[in-house]
Amino acid sequence: MELYFMRHGIAAPEDSPGVDSDGERPLTPKGIKRMRKAAKGLLSLRVSFDRILTSPLLRARQTAQVVTEVLGAEERLQEIPELAPERSVQELVARLADYGEEKRILLVGHQPLLGETASFLLSRSKITGIPLKEGGLCCIEIDDLRSDTVAVLHWMLSPKQLQLLAE
């Protein structure tokens, strides 16, 4: 199984007018524009996903929606609570094991959970975290989420690199 970890795009600050909670922070217009370009970069990589899982928070859902629209994969989008920032690596990995039949899954969520989960799968021990910038993406491959199998990092792209692929 290939797991793609994508951090949400640039979001409005927590103290923005009309934003009552962290979960309601939307992508900024700049964040939407950059995510659309990053999604076009995904198209140039010819990457497709069997499932696109997103955090329930607004900025992650908006990021996932932009990506699914560009890729024409709206029917593959699913929101799962285990991608919320307050959840644990163990909860997320246990939930991902339910998707064992899927070959490629895109996870859209938040730091530090995404980076810590990727780090844990790569080492199966110490969680150090992989730094994902807003709109960044990394790809790891793992044979079995239910065992102590260690994942392999295939690649990691900064948001800028992903956007340049669209040109």
Foldseek 3Di string as FASTA:
>chain_A
DKEKEAEFFAWDDCPDPPRPGPLAIAHDPVRLVLLLLLLLLVVLVVDDWQAEEEENRHRQVSSSVSNCVSVVNVVRYDYDNCQEPVHALVSVLVVVQVVLVIDYYYYYHHPPNRQQNLQCLQPVDDRDGDDADHGKMWMWDFNHSVDSTHIGTDDIGHSVRSSVSSD
